[in-house]
Amino acid sequence: MNTILIGIIVANVLMSYKGFNDLSFFRKYEFHIGSIRAGEQIRMISSGFLHVDIAHLVFNMLTLYFFAPVVFNYLGGFSFVLVYFGSLIFGNLLTMLFHKDDYNYRAVGASGAVTGIIFSSILLDSNLEVFGFIPGFIYGFIYLLSSIYGMKAKNDNIGHTAHFGGAIGGYLITLLRNPELMQEHTLTTVALAIPIVILFGMEKMGKL
C-alpha cells in the first residue's frame, strides 16, 4: 500500500473512531450548512474524515483501497491527493449549492472523495470493470443518473449530492491533468458528461 493511501485511511479511522465516542467532537467537525455559512469552513474538509458508524467507514475505505491504485499508477501521488481532496471539496460545494437554504442540513463521510477516485479511475482505465463485469463508463453513467433520482426523490439518508459533486471533481481534475483522455477515451468522457449536463439543466429549470 502507498504511504499516502495509508495516511488517508488512518486519518479516516482515527477521526471517525473519535467521533463514534465523542458526540461534541462529531458535531464540531461534521458538515453543517448553518455552521459553514457562519464561517466554519474547516467543516468542508473535516466532515470527510467522519463517518456515522463502522459499516459506513469500512465501506468507504475498502472502496478507496480497491480504486486508489489505478489513480496512483496513472497519475502518481501528487495528482492522487489532488483528486481526492478536490473531489471532497467539490462534493461539499455542490451540497452547499443545492442545500444553501437548509441551515440544519448535516452530513459526514468520505464518499464524495472516494467517488471522485472511482470516476478518475473510470476515465483513466478504459478496460476497468466495476464488480468484475460492468464496464466502467456504463457503471459511471448509471451511477450518476441514479444519484440524480436520489437527489430528486429525497427518500433516504444518502448524501447523493456529495457523491455527484465528488464525481464531478474526479472527472474534471483528471481531464485537466490529462486532457488527451478526451480523445483517447472519448466514449467514456461523453458518457460521464451527459448526466452532469442533465443535472444542471434540471437545477436551472427548478426540477430538483
N, C-alpha and C. Protein backbone atom coordinates (compact mmCIF):
# COMPACT_ATOMS: atom_id res chain seq x y z
N MET A 1 0.84 -1.20 0.00
CA MET A 1 0.00 0.00 0.00
C MET A 1 0.87 1.25 0.00
N ASN A 2 0.48 2.24 -0.78
CA ASN A 2 1.18 3.51 -0.83
C ASN A 2 1.05 4.24 0.51
N THR A 3 2.12 4.90 0.93
CA THR A 3 2.10 5.58 2.23
C THR A 3 1.06 6.69 2.27
N ILE A 4 0.81 7.34 1.14
CA ILE A 4 -0.22 8.40 1.09
C ILE A 4 -1.58 7.79 1.35
N LEU A 5 -1.85 6.66 0.71
CA LEU A 5 -3.13 5.98 0.90
C LEU A 5 -3.28 5.52 2.35
N ILE A 6 -2.21 4.96 2.90
CA ILE A 6 -2.25 4.53 4.30
C ILE A 6 -2.57 5.72 5.21
N GLY A 7 -1.93 6.85 4.95
CA GLY A 7 -2.15 8.04 5.76
C GLY A 7 -3.60 8.50 5.73
N ILE A 8 -4.20 8.49 4.54
CA ILE A 8 -5.60 8.92 4.41
C ILE A 8 -6.53 7.95 5.13
N ILE A 9 -6.27 6.66 4.98
CA ILE A 9 -7.12 5.66 5.65
C ILE A 9 -6.98 5.78 7.16
N VAL A 10 -5.75 5.93 7.66
CA VAL A 10 -5.53 6.07 9.10
C VAL A 10 -6.22 7.32 9.64
N ALA A 11 -6.13 8.42 8.91
CA ALA A 11 -6.79 9.66 9.34
C ALA A 11 -8.30 9.47 9.42
N ASN A 12 -8.88 8.78 8.45
CA ASN A 12 -10.31 8.48 8.47
C ASN A 12 -10.68 7.61 9.66
N VAL A 13 -9.88 6.59 9.92
CA VAL A 13 -10.16 5.68 11.03
C VAL A 13 -10.07 6.41 12.36
N LEU A 14 -9.01 7.19 12.55
CA LEU A 14 -8.81 7.87 13.84
C LEU A 14 -9.89 8.92 14.10
N MET A 15 -10.18 9.75 13.10
CA MET A 15 -11.20 10.79 13.30
C MET A 15 -12.58 10.18 13.46
N SER A 16 -12.87 9.15 12.69
CA SER A 16 -14.19 8.51 12.80
C SER A 16 -14.35 7.85 14.15
N TYR A 17 -13.30 7.15 14.61
CA TYR A 17 -13.37 6.49 15.91
C TYR A 17 -13.58 7.51 17.03
N LYS A 18 -12.87 8.64 16.93
CA LYS A 18 -13.07 9.70 17.91
C LYS A 18 -14.51 10.19 17.87
N GLY A 19 -15.05 10.34 16.67
CA GLY A 19 -16.43 10.80 16.53
C GLY A 19 -17.45 9.81 17.04
N PHE A 20 -17.15 8.51 16.91
CA PHE A 20 -18.06 7.48 17.42
C PHE A 20 -18.25 7.61 18.93
N ASN A 21 -17.20 8.04 19.60
CA ASN A 21 -17.19 8.05 21.07
C ASN A 21 -17.28 9.43 21.69
N ASP A 22 -17.35 10.46 20.86
CA ASP A 22 -17.38 11.83 21.38
C ASP A 22 -18.33 12.66 20.51
N LEU A 23 -19.58 12.78 20.95
CA LEU A 23 -20.59 13.47 20.16
C LEU A 23 -20.24 14.94 19.94
N SER A 24 -19.65 15.59 20.94
CA SER A 24 -19.31 17.01 20.78
C SER A 24 -18.24 17.18 19.69
N PHE A 25 -17.30 16.26 19.61
CA PHE A 25 -16.28 16.28 18.55
C PHE A 25 -16.94 16.07 17.20
N PHE A 26 -17.85 15.10 17.15
CA PHE A 26 -18.57 14.80 15.92
C PHE A 26 -19.34 16.03 15.43
N ARG A 27 -20.06 16.67 16.33
CA ARG A 27 -20.86 17.85 15.97
C ARG A 27 -19.97 19.04 15.58
N LYS A 28 -18.81 19.13 16.16
CA LYS A 28 -17.91 20.25 15.89
C LYS A 28 -17.32 20.20 14.48
N TYR A 29 -17.15 18.99 13.95
CA TYR A 29 -16.45 18.84 12.67
C TYR A 29 -17.30 18.26 11.54
N GLU A 30 -18.57 17.97 11.79
CA GLU A 30 -19.42 17.46 10.73
C GLU A 30 -19.76 18.57 9.73
N PHE A 31 -20.25 18.16 8.57
CA PHE A 31 -20.74 19.14 7.58
C PHE A 31 -22.10 19.64 8.07
N HIS A 32 -22.18 20.96 8.28
CA HIS A 32 -23.42 21.56 8.78
C HIS A 32 -23.58 22.92 8.10
N ILE A 33 -24.61 23.04 7.29
CA ILE A 33 -24.80 24.24 6.47
C ILE A 33 -24.75 25.52 7.30
N GLY A 34 -25.51 25.55 8.38
CA GLY A 34 -25.58 26.76 9.20
C GLY A 34 -24.22 27.17 9.73
N SER A 35 -23.45 26.21 10.23
CA SER A 35 -22.14 26.50 10.80
C SER A 35 -21.15 26.94 9.73
N ILE A 36 -21.21 26.30 8.57
CA ILE A 36 -20.29 26.67 7.48
C ILE A 36 -20.60 28.08 6.99
N ARG A 37 -21.87 28.40 6.85
CA ARG A 37 -22.25 29.73 6.41
C ARG A 37 -21.91 30.79 7.46
N ALA A 38 -21.72 30.33 8.71
CA ALA A 38 -21.34 31.26 9.78
C ALA A 38 -19.82 31.43 9.85
N GLY A 39 -19.09 30.72 8.98
CA GLY A 39 -17.65 30.91 8.91
C GLY A 39 -16.78 29.72 9.25
N GLU A 40 -17.38 28.60 9.59
CA GLU A 40 -16.59 27.42 9.98
C GLU A 40 -16.28 26.56 8.76
N GLN A 41 -15.44 27.08 7.87
CA GLN A 41 -15.12 26.38 6.63
C GLN A 41 -14.31 25.10 6.83
N ILE A 42 -13.69 24.94 8.00
CA ILE A 42 -12.92 23.73 8.26
C ILE A 42 -13.78 22.48 8.10
N ARG A 43 -15.08 22.65 8.32
CA ARG A 43 -16.00 21.52 8.20
C ARG A 43 -16.08 20.99 6.76
N MET A 44 -15.73 21.81 5.79
CA MET A 44 -15.74 21.37 4.39
C MET A 44 -14.73 20.24 4.18
N ILE A 45 -13.68 20.20 4.99
CA ILE A 45 -12.67 19.15 4.91
C ILE A 45 -12.88 18.10 6.00
N SER A 46 -13.03 18.57 7.24
CA SER A 46 -13.09 17.65 8.38
C SER A 46 -14.25 16.66 8.29
N SER A 47 -15.37 17.10 7.72
CA SER A 47 -16.54 16.22 7.62
C SER A 47 -16.24 14.99 6.77
N GLY A 48 -15.27 15.11 5.86
CA GLY A 48 -14.92 13.99 5.00
C GLY A 48 -14.11 12.92 5.70
N PHE A 49 -13.75 13.15 6.96
CA PHE A 49 -12.99 12.16 7.73
C PHE A 49 -13.81 11.59 8.89
N LEU A 50 -15.10 11.94 8.94
CA LEU A 50 -16.01 11.40 9.94
C LEU A 50 -17.00 10.46 9.27
N HIS A 51 -17.46 9.45 10.01
CA HIS A 51 -18.45 8.52 9.48
C HIS A 51 -19.48 8.22 10.56
N VAL A 52 -20.67 7.79 10.13
CA VAL A 52 -21.75 7.60 11.10
C VAL A 52 -21.59 6.31 11.91
N ASP A 53 -20.94 5.30 11.32
CA ASP A 53 -20.73 4.03 12.02
C ASP A 53 -19.61 3.24 11.35
N ILE A 54 -19.29 2.09 11.92
CA ILE A 54 -18.20 1.25 11.42
C ILE A 54 -18.48 0.79 9.98
N ALA A 55 -19.72 0.40 9.69
CA ALA A 55 -20.05 -0.09 8.35
C ALA A 55 -19.80 0.99 7.30
N HIS A 56 -20.21 2.22 7.61
CA HIS A 56 -20.02 3.36 6.71
C HIS A 56 -18.53 3.58 6.46
N LEU A 57 -17.73 3.53 7.52
CA LEU A 57 -16.29 3.73 7.43
C LEU A 57 -15.63 2.62 6.61
N VAL A 58 -15.95 1.37 6.94
CA VAL A 58 -15.32 0.23 6.26
C VAL A 58 -15.66 0.22 4.77
N PHE A 59 -16.91 0.50 4.44
CA PHE A 59 -17.31 0.50 3.03
C PHE A 59 -16.50 1.53 2.24
N ASN A 60 -16.41 2.75 2.77
CA ASN A 60 -15.67 3.81 2.07
C ASN A 60 -14.19 3.49 1.94
N MET A 61 -13.59 2.97 3.01
CA MET A 61 -12.15 2.70 2.98
C MET A 61 -11.82 1.50 2.09
N LEU A 62 -12.66 0.50 2.06
CA LEU A 62 -12.44 -0.64 1.17
C LEU A 62 -12.55 -0.21 -0.29
N THR A 63 -13.56 0.61 -0.58
CA THR A 63 -13.73 1.10 -1.94
C THR A 63 -12.52 1.92 -2.36
N LEU A 64 -12.06 2.79 -1.47
CA LEU A 64 -10.87 3.58 -1.75
C LEU A 64 -9.66 2.67 -2.00
N TYR A 65 -9.50 1.66 -1.17
CA TYR A 65 -8.38 0.72 -1.28
C TYR A 65 -8.35 0.04 -2.65
N PHE A 66 -9.51 -0.31 -3.18
CA PHE A 66 -9.57 -1.03 -4.45
C PHE A 66 -9.36 -0.14 -5.67
N PHE A 67 -9.80 1.12 -5.58
CA PHE A 67 -9.72 2.00 -6.76
C PHE A 67 -8.49 2.91 -6.74
N ALA A 68 -7.94 3.21 -5.58
CA ALA A 68 -6.81 4.13 -5.48
C ALA A 68 -5.61 3.72 -6.34
N PRO A 69 -5.26 2.42 -6.40
CA PRO A 69 -4.08 2.04 -7.20
C PRO A 69 -4.15 2.46 -8.66
N VAL A 70 -5.35 2.51 -9.23
CA VAL A 70 -5.49 2.93 -10.63
C VAL A 70 -5.01 4.37 -10.79
N VAL A 71 -5.45 5.23 -9.89
CA VAL A 71 -5.07 6.65 -9.96
C VAL A 71 -3.59 6.82 -9.68
N PHE A 72 -3.07 6.10 -8.68
CA PHE A 72 -1.64 6.16 -8.39
C PHE A 72 -0.80 5.73 -9.59
N ASN A 73 -1.20 4.63 -10.23
CA ASN A 73 -0.42 4.08 -11.33
C ASN A 73 -0.39 4.99 -12.55
N TYR A 74 -1.51 5.67 -12.81
CA TYR A 74 -1.60 6.52 -13.99
C TYR A 74 -1.13 7.95 -13.73
N LEU A 75 -1.41 8.47 -12.53
CA LEU A 75 -1.17 9.90 -12.27
C LEU A 75 -0.08 10.19 -11.26
N GLY A 76 0.20 9.24 -10.36
CA GLY A 76 1.19 9.50 -9.33
C GLY A 76 0.58 10.04 -8.04
N GLY A 77 1.40 10.16 -7.01
CA GLY A 77 0.92 10.53 -5.69
C GLY A 77 0.35 11.92 -5.58
N PHE A 78 1.02 12.91 -6.17
CA PHE A 78 0.54 14.29 -6.06
C PHE A 78 -0.84 14.44 -6.67
N SER A 79 -1.03 13.88 -7.86
CA SER A 79 -2.33 14.00 -8.53
C SER A 79 -3.40 13.21 -7.79
N PHE A 80 -3.01 12.08 -7.17
CA PHE A 80 -3.98 11.33 -6.36
C PHE A 80 -4.52 12.20 -5.24
N VAL A 81 -3.62 12.87 -4.52
CA VAL A 81 -4.03 13.76 -3.42
C VAL A 81 -4.91 14.88 -3.96
N LEU A 82 -4.55 15.41 -5.12
CA LEU A 82 -5.32 16.49 -5.73
C LEU A 82 -6.74 16.01 -6.06
N VAL A 83 -6.84 14.82 -6.64
CA VAL A 83 -8.16 14.28 -6.98
C VAL A 83 -8.96 13.99 -5.72
N TYR A 84 -8.32 13.39 -4.72
CA TYR A 84 -9.04 13.01 -3.50
C TYR A 84 -9.62 14.23 -2.79
N PHE A 85 -8.75 15.20 -2.49
CA PHE A 85 -9.23 16.36 -1.74
C PHE A 85 -10.05 17.30 -2.62
N GLY A 86 -9.71 17.37 -3.89
CA GLY A 86 -10.52 18.17 -4.80
C GLY A 86 -11.94 17.64 -4.90
N SER A 87 -12.07 16.32 -4.97
CA SER A 87 -13.39 15.69 -5.06
C SER A 87 -14.17 15.88 -3.76
N LEU A 88 -13.47 15.79 -2.63
CA LEU A 88 -14.12 16.04 -1.34
C LEU A 88 -14.70 17.45 -1.30
N ILE A 89 -13.92 18.42 -1.74
CA ILE A 89 -14.38 19.81 -1.74
C ILE A 89 -15.48 20.03 -2.76
N PHE A 90 -15.34 19.46 -3.95
CA PHE A 90 -16.39 19.58 -4.96
C PHE A 90 -17.71 19.02 -4.43
N GLY A 91 -17.64 17.86 -3.77
CA GLY A 91 -18.86 17.26 -3.22
C GLY A 91 -19.54 18.16 -2.22
N ASN A 92 -18.76 18.77 -1.35
CA ASN A 92 -19.34 19.65 -0.33
C ASN A 92 -19.79 20.98 -0.92
N LEU A 93 -19.09 21.46 -1.95
CA LEU A 93 -19.53 22.70 -2.60
C LEU A 93 -20.87 22.51 -3.30
N LEU A 94 -21.02 21.37 -3.97
CA LEU A 94 -22.30 21.10 -4.64
C LEU A 94 -23.41 20.96 -3.61
N THR A 95 -23.10 20.34 -2.48
CA THR A 95 -24.09 20.22 -1.40
C THR A 95 -24.47 21.58 -0.87
N MET A 96 -23.48 22.46 -0.71
CA MET A 96 -23.76 23.82 -0.27
C MET A 96 -24.67 24.54 -1.27
N LEU A 97 -24.41 24.34 -2.55
CA LEU A 97 -25.20 25.00 -3.59
C LEU A 97 -26.65 24.52 -3.58
N PHE A 98 -26.84 23.22 -3.46
CA PHE A 98 -28.18 22.65 -3.56
C PHE A 98 -28.97 22.72 -2.25
N HIS A 99 -28.27 22.91 -1.13
CA HIS A 99 -28.95 22.94 0.18
C HIS A 99 -28.66 24.23 0.93
N LYS A 100 -28.32 25.29 0.20
CA LYS A 100 -27.86 26.52 0.84
C LYS A 100 -28.87 27.14 1.80
N ASP A 101 -30.14 26.88 1.59
CA ASP A 101 -31.16 27.48 2.46
C ASP A 101 -31.62 26.55 3.57
N ASP A 102 -31.06 25.33 3.59
CA ASP A 102 -31.40 24.37 4.64
C ASP A 102 -30.32 24.41 5.71
N TYR A 103 -30.45 25.35 6.63
CA TYR A 103 -29.40 25.60 7.61
C TYR A 103 -29.18 24.42 8.56
N ASN A 104 -30.10 23.48 8.62
CA ASN A 104 -29.96 22.33 9.52
C ASN A 104 -29.40 21.10 8.81
N TYR A 105 -29.07 21.24 7.54
CA TYR A 105 -28.57 20.09 6.78
C TYR A 105 -27.21 19.65 7.33
N ARG A 106 -27.09 18.34 7.61
CA ARG A 106 -25.86 17.78 8.16
C ARG A 106 -25.43 16.57 7.34
N ALA A 107 -24.14 16.33 7.27
CA ALA A 107 -23.64 15.16 6.55
C ALA A 107 -22.21 14.86 6.98
N VAL A 108 -21.80 13.61 6.84
CA VAL A 108 -20.41 13.22 7.08
C VAL A 108 -20.05 12.11 6.11
N GLY A 109 -18.76 11.87 5.98
CA GLY A 109 -18.30 10.73 5.19
C GLY A 109 -17.32 11.10 4.09
N ALA A 110 -16.50 10.12 3.72
CA ALA A 110 -15.51 10.30 2.67
C ALA A 110 -16.07 9.95 1.29
N SER A 111 -17.38 9.74 1.21
CA SER A 111 -17.98 9.26 -0.03
C SER A 111 -17.71 10.16 -1.23
N GLY A 112 -17.76 11.47 -1.05
CA GLY A 112 -17.51 12.38 -2.16
C GLY A 112 -16.10 12.22 -2.70
N ALA A 113 -15.12 12.15 -1.78
CA ALA A 113 -13.73 11.97 -2.19
C ALA A 113 -13.53 10.62 -2.86
N VAL A 114 -14.11 9.57 -2.28
CA VAL A 114 -13.96 8.22 -2.82
C VAL A 114 -14.63 8.11 -4.19
N THR A 115 -15.80 8.73 -4.34
CA THR A 115 -16.47 8.72 -5.64
C THR A 115 -15.62 9.40 -6.69
N GLY A 116 -14.94 10.48 -6.30
CA GLY A 116 -14.04 11.16 -7.23
C GLY A 116 -12.92 10.24 -7.70
N ILE A 117 -12.38 9.44 -6.78
CA ILE A 117 -11.33 8.48 -7.14
C ILE A 117 -11.88 7.42 -8.09
N ILE A 118 -13.10 6.96 -7.84
CA ILE A 118 -13.72 5.97 -8.73
C ILE A 118 -13.86 6.52 -10.14
N PHE A 119 -14.36 7.74 -10.25
CA PHE A 119 -14.60 8.32 -11.58
C PHE A 119 -13.29 8.68 -12.27
N SER A 120 -12.29 9.05 -11.51
CA SER A 120 -10.97 9.26 -12.09
C SER A 120 -10.45 7.94 -12.67
N SER A 121 -10.64 6.86 -11.92
CA SER A 121 -10.20 5.53 -12.37
C SER A 121 -10.92 5.12 -13.65
N ILE A 122 -12.21 5.39 -13.73
CA ILE A 122 -13.00 5.04 -14.91
C ILE A 122 -12.48 5.77 -16.14
N LEU A 123 -12.14 7.04 -15.95
CA LEU A 123 -11.60 7.84 -17.06
C LEU A 123 -10.22 7.34 -17.50
N LEU A 124 -9.40 7.00 -16.53
CA LEU A 124 -8.02 6.66 -16.82
C LEU A 124 -7.86 5.28 -17.44
N ASP A 125 -8.66 4.31 -16.99
CA ASP A 125 -8.52 2.93 -17.45
C ASP A 125 -9.75 2.52 -18.26
N SER A 126 -9.61 2.51 -19.57
CA SER A 126 -10.75 2.20 -20.44
C SER A 126 -11.20 0.75 -20.30
N ASN A 127 -10.35 -0.10 -19.72
CA ASN A 127 -10.69 -1.52 -19.54
C ASN A 127 -11.23 -1.83 -18.15
N LEU A 128 -11.37 -0.80 -17.34
CA LEU A 128 -11.82 -1.00 -15.96
C LEU A 128 -13.23 -1.57 -15.93
N GLU A 129 -13.42 -2.60 -15.10
CA GLU A 129 -14.75 -3.18 -14.91
C GLU A 129 -15.09 -3.14 -13.43
N VAL A 130 -16.24 -2.59 -13.11
CA VAL A 130 -16.70 -2.48 -11.73
C VAL A 130 -17.45 -3.76 -11.37
N PHE A 131 -17.19 -4.28 -10.19
CA PHE A 131 -17.75 -5.56 -9.74
C PHE A 131 -17.31 -6.72 -10.64
N GLY A 132 -16.27 -6.48 -11.42
CA GLY A 132 -15.71 -7.55 -12.22
C GLY A 132 -16.36 -7.80 -13.56
N PHE A 133 -17.47 -7.09 -13.84
CA PHE A 133 -18.14 -7.37 -15.13
C PHE A 133 -18.84 -6.16 -15.76
N ILE A 134 -19.02 -5.07 -15.01
CA ILE A 134 -19.71 -3.89 -15.57
C ILE A 134 -18.66 -2.92 -16.10
N PRO A 135 -18.67 -2.62 -17.41
CA PRO A 135 -17.72 -1.63 -17.95
C PRO A 135 -17.81 -0.33 -17.18
N GLY A 136 -16.66 0.26 -16.91
CA GLY A 136 -16.61 1.46 -16.07
C GLY A 136 -17.50 2.59 -16.54
N PHE A 137 -17.52 2.86 -17.85
CA PHE A 137 -18.30 4.01 -18.33
C PHE A 137 -19.79 3.77 -18.16
N ILE A 138 -20.22 2.50 -18.27
CA ILE A 138 -21.64 2.18 -18.08
C ILE A 138 -22.01 2.33 -16.60
N TYR A 139 -21.14 1.82 -15.73
CA TYR A 139 -21.38 1.97 -14.30
C TYR A 139 -21.47 3.44 -13.91
N GLY A 140 -20.51 4.24 -14.40
CA GLY A 140 -20.50 5.67 -14.08
C GLY A 140 -21.74 6.38 -14.55
N PHE A 141 -22.18 6.07 -15.77
CA PHE A 141 -23.37 6.68 -16.34
C PHE A 141 -24.61 6.35 -15.50
N ILE A 142 -24.77 5.08 -15.16
CA ILE A 142 -25.92 4.65 -14.37
C ILE A 142 -25.86 5.23 -12.96
N TYR A 143 -24.66 5.25 -12.39
CA TYR A 143 -24.48 5.77 -11.03
C TYR A 143 -24.92 7.23 -10.94
N LEU A 144 -24.50 8.03 -11.91
CA LEU A 144 -24.86 9.45 -11.87
C LEU A 144 -26.36 9.66 -12.08
N LEU A 145 -26.95 8.90 -12.98
CA LEU A 145 -28.40 9.02 -13.18
C LEU A 145 -29.16 8.61 -11.92
N SER A 146 -28.69 7.55 -11.26
CA SER A 146 -29.36 7.11 -10.03
C SER A 146 -29.18 8.15 -8.92
N SER A 147 -28.04 8.84 -8.93
CA SER A 147 -27.81 9.91 -7.93
C SER A 147 -28.76 11.07 -8.16
N ILE A 148 -29.01 11.39 -9.43
CA ILE A 148 -29.98 12.45 -9.74
C ILE A 148 -31.35 12.06 -9.23
N TYR A 149 -31.71 10.80 -9.45
CA TYR A 149 -33.01 10.31 -8.94
C TYR A 149 -33.07 10.44 -7.42
N GLY A 150 -31.99 10.04 -6.74
CA GLY A 150 -31.95 10.13 -5.28
C GLY A 150 -32.05 11.56 -4.79
N MET A 151 -31.40 12.48 -5.50
CA MET A 151 -31.46 13.89 -5.12
C MET A 151 -32.87 14.44 -5.28
N LYS A 152 -33.55 13.98 -6.31
CA LYS A 152 -34.91 14.47 -6.56
C LYS A 152 -35.94 13.82 -5.63
N ALA A 153 -35.78 12.50 -5.40
CA ALA A 153 -36.75 11.77 -4.58
C ALA A 153 -36.64 12.14 -3.10
N LYS A 154 -35.41 12.33 -2.62
CA LYS A 154 -35.17 12.69 -1.21
C LYS A 154 -35.87 11.73 -0.25
N ASN A 155 -35.75 10.43 -0.53
CA ASN A 155 -36.44 9.44 0.29
C ASN A 155 -35.49 8.55 1.07
N ASP A 156 -34.23 9.00 1.24
CA ASP A 156 -33.27 8.25 2.05
C ASP A 156 -32.28 9.21 2.70
N ASN A 157 -31.35 8.66 3.46
CA ASN A 157 -30.36 9.50 4.16
C ASN A 157 -28.99 9.48 3.48
N ILE A 158 -28.96 9.08 2.23
CA ILE A 158 -27.71 9.02 1.48
C ILE A 158 -27.38 10.41 0.92
N GLY A 159 -26.11 10.79 1.00
CA GLY A 159 -25.70 12.11 0.50
C GLY A 159 -25.46 12.09 -1.00
N HIS A 160 -26.53 11.94 -1.78
CA HIS A 160 -26.41 11.83 -3.22
C HIS A 160 -25.73 13.06 -3.84
N THR A 161 -26.01 14.23 -3.28
CA THR A 161 -25.43 15.46 -3.84
C THR A 161 -23.92 15.47 -3.68
N ALA A 162 -23.43 15.05 -2.51
CA ALA A 162 -21.98 14.99 -2.29
C ALA A 162 -21.34 13.96 -3.19
N HIS A 163 -22.01 12.83 -3.40
CA HIS A 163 -21.49 11.80 -4.30
C HIS A 163 -21.35 12.36 -5.72
N PHE A 164 -22.40 13.04 -6.16
CA PHE A 164 -22.40 13.60 -7.52
C PHE A 164 -21.31 14.66 -7.64
N GLY A 165 -21.21 15.52 -6.64
CA GLY A 165 -20.18 16.55 -6.67
C GLY A 165 -18.78 15.96 -6.67
N GLY A 166 -18.59 14.89 -5.89
CA GLY A 166 -17.31 14.21 -5.87
C GLY A 166 -16.97 13.63 -7.23
N ALA A 167 -17.98 13.05 -7.89
CA ALA A 167 -17.78 12.51 -9.23
C ALA A 167 -17.36 13.61 -10.21
N ILE A 168 -18.02 14.76 -10.11
CA ILE A 168 -17.65 15.90 -10.97
C ILE A 168 -16.21 16.31 -10.70
N GLY A 169 -15.84 16.35 -9.42
CA GLY A 169 -14.47 16.72 -9.06
C GLY A 169 -13.45 15.77 -9.68
N GLY A 170 -13.67 14.47 -9.51
CA GLY A 170 -12.75 13.48 -10.07
C GLY A 170 -12.68 13.56 -11.58
N TYR A 171 -13.83 13.78 -12.19
CA TYR A 171 -13.93 13.88 -13.65
C TYR A 171 -13.16 15.09 -14.16
N LEU A 172 -13.43 16.26 -13.60
CA LEU A 172 -12.81 17.49 -14.10
C LEU A 172 -11.32 17.56 -13.82
N ILE A 173 -10.92 17.19 -12.61
CA ILE A 173 -9.50 17.27 -12.26
C ILE A 173 -8.68 16.30 -13.11
N THR A 174 -9.21 15.11 -13.33
CA THR A 174 -8.49 14.13 -14.15
C THR A 174 -8.34 14.61 -15.58
N LEU A 175 -9.40 15.21 -16.14
CA LEU A 175 -9.32 15.72 -17.51
C LEU A 175 -8.40 16.93 -17.60
N LEU A 176 -8.38 17.76 -16.57
CA LEU A 176 -7.47 18.91 -16.58
C LEU A 176 -6.02 18.46 -16.51
N ARG A 177 -5.77 17.40 -15.75
CA ARG A 177 -4.41 16.88 -15.65
C ARG A 177 -4.00 16.10 -16.90
N ASN A 178 -5.01 15.50 -17.56
CA ASN A 178 -4.74 14.67 -18.74
C ASN A 178 -5.76 14.95 -19.84
N PRO A 179 -5.70 16.11 -20.47
CA PRO A 179 -6.70 16.48 -21.48
C PRO A 179 -6.73 15.53 -22.69
N GLU A 180 -5.65 14.79 -22.90
CA GLU A 180 -5.62 13.85 -24.02
C GLU A 180 -6.64 12.71 -23.86
N LEU A 181 -7.13 12.53 -22.63
CA LEU A 181 -8.14 11.49 -22.39
C LEU A 181 -9.42 11.76 -23.17
N MET A 182 -9.71 13.02 -23.44
CA MET A 182 -10.92 13.36 -24.19
C MET A 182 -10.89 12.76 -25.59
N GLN A 183 -9.69 12.57 -26.14
CA GLN A 183 -9.55 11.95 -27.45
C GLN A 183 -9.33 10.45 -27.34
N GLU A 184 -8.54 10.05 -26.35
CA GLU A 184 -8.21 8.63 -26.20
C GLU A 184 -9.39 7.82 -25.67
N HIS A 185 -10.19 8.41 -24.78
CA HIS A 185 -11.32 7.72 -24.18
C HIS A 185 -12.59 8.55 -24.39
N THR A 186 -12.88 8.85 -25.63
CA THR A 186 -13.99 9.75 -25.96
C THR A 186 -15.33 9.23 -25.46
N LEU A 187 -15.60 7.94 -25.65
CA LEU A 187 -16.88 7.37 -25.24
C LEU A 187 -17.11 7.54 -23.75
N THR A 188 -16.09 7.23 -22.96
CA THR A 188 -16.21 7.36 -21.51
C THR A 188 -16.40 8.83 -21.11
N THR A 189 -15.63 9.72 -21.71
CA THR A 189 -15.72 11.15 -21.40
C THR A 189 -17.11 11.68 -21.67
N VAL A 190 -17.69 11.32 -22.82
CA VAL A 190 -19.02 11.80 -23.19
C VAL A 190 -20.09 11.16 -22.32
N ALA A 191 -19.97 9.84 -22.07
CA ALA A 191 -20.97 9.13 -21.27
C ALA A 191 -21.09 9.72 -19.87
N LEU A 192 -19.96 10.10 -19.28
CA LEU A 192 -20.00 10.67 -17.93
C LEU A 192 -20.42 12.13 -17.93
N ALA A 193 -20.24 12.82 -19.05
CA ALA A 193 -20.63 14.23 -19.13
C ALA A 193 -22.14 14.39 -19.24
N ILE A 194 -22.80 13.45 -19.88
CA ILE A 194 -24.25 13.57 -20.13
C ILE A 194 -25.05 13.76 -18.84
N PRO A 195 -24.89 12.89 -17.82
CA PRO A 195 -25.66 13.10 -16.59
C PRO A 195 -25.33 14.42 -15.89
N ILE A 196 -24.08 14.88 -16.01
CA ILE A 196 -23.69 16.15 -15.39
C ILE A 196 -24.48 17.29 -16.04
N VAL A 197 -24.57 17.27 -17.36
CA VAL A 197 -25.35 18.29 -18.09
C VAL A 197 -26.82 18.19 -17.70
N ILE A 198 -27.33 16.98 -17.59
CA ILE A 198 -28.73 16.78 -17.20
C ILE A 198 -29.00 17.37 -15.82
N LEU A 199 -28.09 17.10 -14.87
CA LEU A 199 -28.28 17.60 -13.50
C LEU A 199 -28.41 19.11 -13.47
N PHE A 200 -27.48 19.82 -14.10
CA PHE A 200 -27.51 21.28 -14.03
C PHE A 200 -28.64 21.85 -14.88
N GLY A 201 -29.04 21.12 -15.90
CA GLY A 201 -30.21 21.54 -16.67
C GLY A 201 -31.46 21.46 -15.83
N MET A 202 -31.60 20.36 -15.08
CA MET A 202 -32.77 20.20 -14.18
C MET A 202 -32.75 21.24 -13.08
N GLU A 203 -31.57 21.52 -12.55
CA GLU A 203 -31.47 22.51 -11.47
C GLU A 203 -31.85 23.89 -11.98
N LYS A 204 -31.42 24.23 -13.19
CA LYS A 204 -31.72 25.54 -13.76
C LYS A 204 -33.22 25.69 -14.01
N MET A 205 -33.87 24.58 -14.36
CA MET A 205 -35.32 24.61 -14.61
C MET A 205 -36.14 24.43 -13.36
N GLY A 206 -35.45 24.30 -12.21
CA GLY A 206 -36.15 24.18 -10.94
C GLY A 206 -36.82 22.84 -10.73
N LYS A 207 -36.26 21.78 -11.34
CA LYS A 207 -36.89 20.46 -11.23
C LYS A 207 -36.19 19.57 -10.22
N LEU A 208 -35.34 20.16 -9.38
CA LEU A 208 -34.69 19.38 -8.32
C LEU A 208 -35.11 19.93 -6.96
